[in-house]
Amino acid sequence: MLYGILAAASALLLTAVLSAAVRVPALRLGIVERRRGRRVPLLGGVAVMGGVGAGGWVGGGRGVGPP
C-alpha cells in the first residue's frame, strides 16, 4: 500500500517538473494557443504522459503498479 502511494506521489512530482521543463521550448517553438490574449503552451500533455508512464513503469517493475 505504501509503495503504491509512493509511486503515485513520485509520478505527480515528475509530472510537475516535466511540465515546467517543456513550457519554455513550447513558448520558443510557438506551440501555443491564444486564450484571452495570452499565449498558453500546449506541451503539458507530453509532460503528463511522461510522468504517469514513468511512474507506471517503475511501479510495475516493483510489483506495485498497474499490470
N, C-alpha and C. Protein backbone atom coordinates (compact mmCIF):
# COMPACT_ATOMS: atom_id res chain seq x y z
N MET A 1 0.83 -1.19 0.00
CA MET A 1 0.00 0.00 0.00
C MET A 1 0.87 1.25 0.00
N LEU A 2 1.86 1.26 0.87
CA LEU A 2 2.73 2.42 0.96
C LEU A 2 3.54 2.63 -0.32
N TYR A 3 3.93 1.52 -0.95
CA TYR A 3 4.69 1.64 -2.19
C TYR A 3 3.83 2.23 -3.31
N GLY A 4 2.55 1.90 -3.33
CA GLY A 4 1.65 2.47 -4.33
C GLY A 4 1.49 3.96 -4.15
N ILE A 5 1.39 4.41 -2.90
CA ILE A 5 1.29 5.83 -2.63
C ILE A 5 2.58 6.53 -3.03
N LEU A 6 3.70 5.90 -2.75
CA LEU A 6 4.99 6.47 -3.12
C LEU A 6 5.13 6.57 -4.65
N ALA A 7 4.65 5.54 -5.36
CA ALA A 7 4.72 5.57 -6.83
C ALA A 7 3.85 6.69 -7.38
N ALA A 8 2.64 6.87 -6.82
CA ALA A 8 1.76 7.94 -7.29
C ALA A 8 2.33 9.31 -6.98
N ALA A 9 2.91 9.47 -5.79
CA ALA A 9 3.49 10.76 -5.41
C ALA A 9 4.70 11.10 -6.28
N SER A 10 5.51 10.11 -6.59
CA SER A 10 6.67 10.38 -7.45
C SER A 10 6.23 10.69 -8.88
N ALA A 11 5.15 10.05 -9.36
CA ALA A 11 4.64 10.38 -10.69
C ALA A 11 4.11 11.81 -10.71
N LEU A 12 3.45 12.24 -9.64
CA LEU A 12 2.95 13.61 -9.55
C LEU A 12 4.10 14.61 -9.56
N LEU A 13 5.13 14.33 -8.78
CA LEU A 13 6.29 15.22 -8.73
C LEU A 13 7.00 15.28 -10.08
N LEU A 14 7.19 14.14 -10.70
CA LEU A 14 7.86 14.12 -12.01
C LEU A 14 7.03 14.86 -13.06
N THR A 15 5.71 14.73 -13.01
CA THR A 15 4.85 15.44 -13.94
C THR A 15 4.96 16.95 -13.76
N ALA A 16 5.03 17.40 -12.51
CA ALA A 16 5.18 18.84 -12.25
C ALA A 16 6.50 19.37 -12.79
N VAL A 17 7.56 18.60 -12.58
CA VAL A 17 8.89 19.01 -13.06
C VAL A 17 8.92 19.02 -14.59
N LEU A 18 8.36 17.99 -15.21
CA LEU A 18 8.34 17.94 -16.67
C LEU A 18 7.48 19.04 -17.27
N SER A 19 6.38 19.39 -16.61
CA SER A 19 5.53 20.47 -17.10
C SER A 19 6.30 21.79 -17.16
N ALA A 20 7.06 22.05 -16.12
CA ALA A 20 7.87 23.27 -16.10
C ALA A 20 8.99 23.20 -17.15
N ALA A 21 9.52 22.00 -17.37
CA ALA A 21 10.63 21.85 -18.31
C ALA A 21 10.19 22.01 -19.77
N VAL A 22 8.97 21.59 -20.12
CA VAL A 22 8.54 21.68 -21.51
C VAL A 22 7.85 23.01 -21.82
N ARG A 23 7.64 23.84 -20.82
CA ARG A 23 6.97 25.13 -21.04
C ARG A 23 7.83 26.06 -21.90
N VAL A 24 9.10 26.16 -21.57
CA VAL A 24 9.99 27.07 -22.30
C VAL A 24 10.15 26.65 -23.77
N PRO A 25 10.43 25.38 -24.07
CA PRO A 25 10.51 25.01 -25.50
C PRO A 25 9.21 25.23 -26.26
N ALA A 26 8.08 25.02 -25.59
CA ALA A 26 6.78 25.24 -26.25
C ALA A 26 6.61 26.71 -26.61
N LEU A 27 6.99 27.59 -25.71
CA LEU A 27 6.87 29.02 -26.00
C LEU A 27 7.84 29.46 -27.09
N ARG A 28 9.07 28.92 -27.07
CA ARG A 28 10.06 29.29 -28.09
C ARG A 28 9.71 28.77 -29.47
N LEU A 29 9.16 27.56 -29.52
CA LEU A 29 8.83 26.96 -30.82
C LEU A 29 7.46 27.41 -31.33
N GLY A 30 6.71 28.12 -30.51
CA GLY A 30 5.41 28.61 -30.94
C GLY A 30 4.30 27.59 -30.85
N ILE A 31 4.48 26.55 -30.04
CA ILE A 31 3.45 25.53 -29.85
C ILE A 31 2.54 26.04 -28.74
N VAL A 32 1.71 27.00 -29.09
CA VAL A 32 0.88 27.68 -28.10
C VAL A 32 -0.53 27.87 -28.66
N GLU A 33 -1.44 28.16 -27.74
CA GLU A 33 -2.80 28.53 -28.10
C GLU A 33 -3.07 29.90 -27.52
N ARG A 34 -3.78 30.71 -28.23
CA ARG A 34 -4.09 32.06 -27.75
C ARG A 34 -5.42 32.03 -27.00
N ARG A 35 -5.35 32.37 -25.72
CA ARG A 35 -6.57 32.45 -24.91
C ARG A 35 -6.61 33.81 -24.24
N ARG A 36 -7.62 34.57 -24.57
CA ARG A 36 -7.81 35.89 -23.99
C ARG A 36 -6.56 36.76 -24.11
N GLY A 37 -5.90 36.66 -25.23
CA GLY A 37 -4.72 37.47 -25.48
C GLY A 37 -3.44 36.93 -24.87
N ARG A 38 -3.51 35.80 -24.19
CA ARG A 38 -2.30 35.20 -23.59
C ARG A 38 -1.88 33.98 -24.39
N ARG A 39 -0.58 33.71 -24.37
CA ARG A 39 -0.06 32.51 -25.03
C ARG A 39 0.01 31.38 -24.01
N VAL A 40 -0.71 30.29 -24.27
CA VAL A 40 -0.75 29.14 -23.37
C VAL A 40 -0.02 27.98 -24.05
N PRO A 41 1.06 27.46 -23.44
CA PRO A 41 1.81 26.35 -24.04
C PRO A 41 0.96 25.07 -24.11
N LEU A 42 1.16 24.29 -25.17
CA LEU A 42 0.35 23.10 -25.39
C LEU A 42 1.11 21.78 -25.19
N LEU A 43 2.28 21.79 -24.62
CA LEU A 43 3.04 20.55 -24.43
C LEU A 43 2.85 19.94 -23.05
N GLY A 44 1.88 20.40 -22.29
CA GLY A 44 1.63 19.84 -20.96
C GLY A 44 1.21 18.38 -21.01
N GLY A 45 0.51 17.99 -22.07
CA GLY A 45 0.10 16.59 -22.21
C GLY A 45 1.29 15.65 -22.34
N VAL A 46 2.33 16.12 -22.98
CA VAL A 46 3.55 15.31 -23.10
C VAL A 46 4.15 15.09 -21.71
N ALA A 47 4.14 16.12 -20.88
CA ALA A 47 4.67 16.01 -19.52
C ALA A 47 3.83 15.06 -18.68
N VAL A 48 2.51 15.13 -18.83
CA VAL A 48 1.63 14.25 -18.06
C VAL A 48 1.85 12.80 -18.47
N MET A 49 1.91 12.54 -19.77
CA MET A 49 2.13 11.17 -20.22
C MET A 49 3.50 10.65 -19.78
N GLY A 50 4.51 11.52 -19.81
CA GLY A 50 5.84 11.11 -19.36
C GLY A 50 5.87 10.78 -17.88
N GLY A 51 5.25 11.62 -17.07
CA GLY A 51 5.24 11.38 -15.62
C GLY A 51 4.45 10.16 -15.23
N VAL A 52 3.27 10.00 -15.80
CA VAL A 52 2.44 8.84 -15.48
C VAL A 52 3.07 7.56 -16.04
N GLY A 53 3.61 7.65 -17.24
CA GLY A 53 4.26 6.48 -17.83
C GLY A 53 5.48 6.04 -17.04
N ALA A 54 6.28 6.98 -16.60
CA ALA A 54 7.46 6.64 -15.79
C ALA A 54 7.04 6.07 -14.44
N GLY A 55 6.01 6.64 -13.84
CA GLY A 55 5.52 6.12 -12.56
C GLY A 55 4.97 4.70 -12.70
N GLY A 56 4.24 4.45 -13.78
CA GLY A 56 3.73 3.10 -14.03
C GLY A 56 4.83 2.11 -14.35
N TRP A 57 5.83 2.57 -15.10
CA TRP A 57 6.94 1.68 -15.45
C TRP A 57 7.74 1.28 -14.22
N VAL A 58 8.08 2.26 -13.39
CA VAL A 58 8.84 1.97 -12.17
C VAL A 58 7.98 1.16 -11.19
N GLY A 59 6.72 1.56 -11.04
CA GLY A 59 5.82 0.83 -10.13
C GLY A 59 5.55 -0.59 -10.60
N GLY A 60 5.42 -0.79 -11.90
CA GLY A 60 5.20 -2.12 -12.44
C GLY A 60 6.42 -3.03 -12.25
N GLY A 61 7.59 -2.47 -12.34
CA GLY A 61 8.81 -3.25 -12.11
C GLY A 61 8.95 -3.69 -10.66
N ARG A 62 8.37 -2.92 -9.76
CA ARG A 62 8.42 -3.25 -8.33
C ARG A 62 7.21 -4.07 -7.88
N GLY A 63 6.25 -4.26 -8.77
CA GLY A 63 5.07 -5.05 -8.43
C GLY A 63 3.99 -4.24 -7.73
N VAL A 64 4.06 -2.92 -7.73
CA VAL A 64 3.05 -2.11 -7.07
C VAL A 64 2.23 -1.30 -8.07
N GLY A 65 2.62 -1.30 -9.32
CA GLY A 65 1.91 -0.52 -10.32
C GLY A 65 0.84 -1.35 -10.99
N PRO A 66 0.13 -0.76 -11.93
CA PRO A 66 -0.90 -1.50 -12.65
C PRO A 66 -0.28 -2.58 -13.54
N PRO A 67 -0.99 -3.67 -13.73
CA PRO A 67 -0.43 -4.77 -14.55
C PRO A 67 -0.34 -4.43 -16.01
